[in-house]
Amino acid sequence: MYYERLDVWKRSFQLSLSVYRSFYLLKDFSLKDQMCRCSVSIP
């Protein structure tokens, strides 16, 4: 079974995309960087 087919992986990937979209225009680079790096480690 491929991990991309798992429901938990699909949800975590969507969460990661959501974080990137939410913090895209944020001016505080350190917070944005930390949130984006942390969201990538989820899936």
Protein backbone atom coordinates (compact mmCIF):
# COMPACT_ATOMS: atom_id res chain seq x y z
CA MET A 1 0.00 0.00 0.00
CA TYR A 2 1.31 3.40 -0.94
CA TYR A 3 1.27 6.06 1.71
CA GLU A 4 -0.34 8.56 -0.67
CA ARG A 5 -3.51 6.48 -0.58
CA LEU A 6 -3.86 6.70 3.18
CA ASP A 7 -6.55 9.04 4.39
CA VAL A 8 -4.33 10.37 7.16
CA TRP A 9 -1.64 11.29 4.64
CA LYS A 10 -4.14 13.06 2.39
CA ARG A 11 -5.46 15.11 5.31
CA SER A 12 -2.00 16.02 6.53
CA PHE A 13 -1.01 17.08 3.03
CA GLN A 14 -4.08 19.31 2.81
CA LEU A 15 -3.20 20.79 6.19
CA SER A 16 0.29 21.54 4.97
CA LEU A 17 -1.06 23.31 1.89
CA SER A 18 -3.48 25.25 4.03
CA VAL A 19 -0.67 26.48 6.29
CA TYR A 20 1.36 27.61 3.29
CA ARG A 21 -1.61 29.47 1.84
CA SER A 22 -2.48 31.08 5.17
CA PHE A 23 1.01 32.36 5.88
CA TYR A 24 1.93 33.32 2.34
CA LEU A 25 1.52 37.08 2.80
CA LEU A 26 2.63 37.27 6.42
CA LYS A 27 5.26 39.95 7.03
CA ASP A 28 6.81 38.27 10.06
CA PHE A 29 9.34 36.07 8.30
CA SER A 30 10.47 34.11 11.35
CA LEU A 31 6.94 32.99 12.23
CA LYS A 32 6.12 32.25 8.61
CA ASP A 33 9.30 30.25 8.18
CA GLN A 34 8.73 28.24 11.34
CA MET A 35 5.11 27.43 10.49
CA CYS A 36 5.93 26.41 6.93
CA ARG A 37 8.85 24.21 7.96
CA CYS A 38 6.79 22.57 10.64
CA SER A 39 3.85 21.94 8.29
CA VAL A 40 6.12 20.23 5.76
CA SER A 41 7.20 17.71 8.37
CA ILE A 42 3.60 16.56 8.92
CA PRO A 43 3.06 14.47 5.79
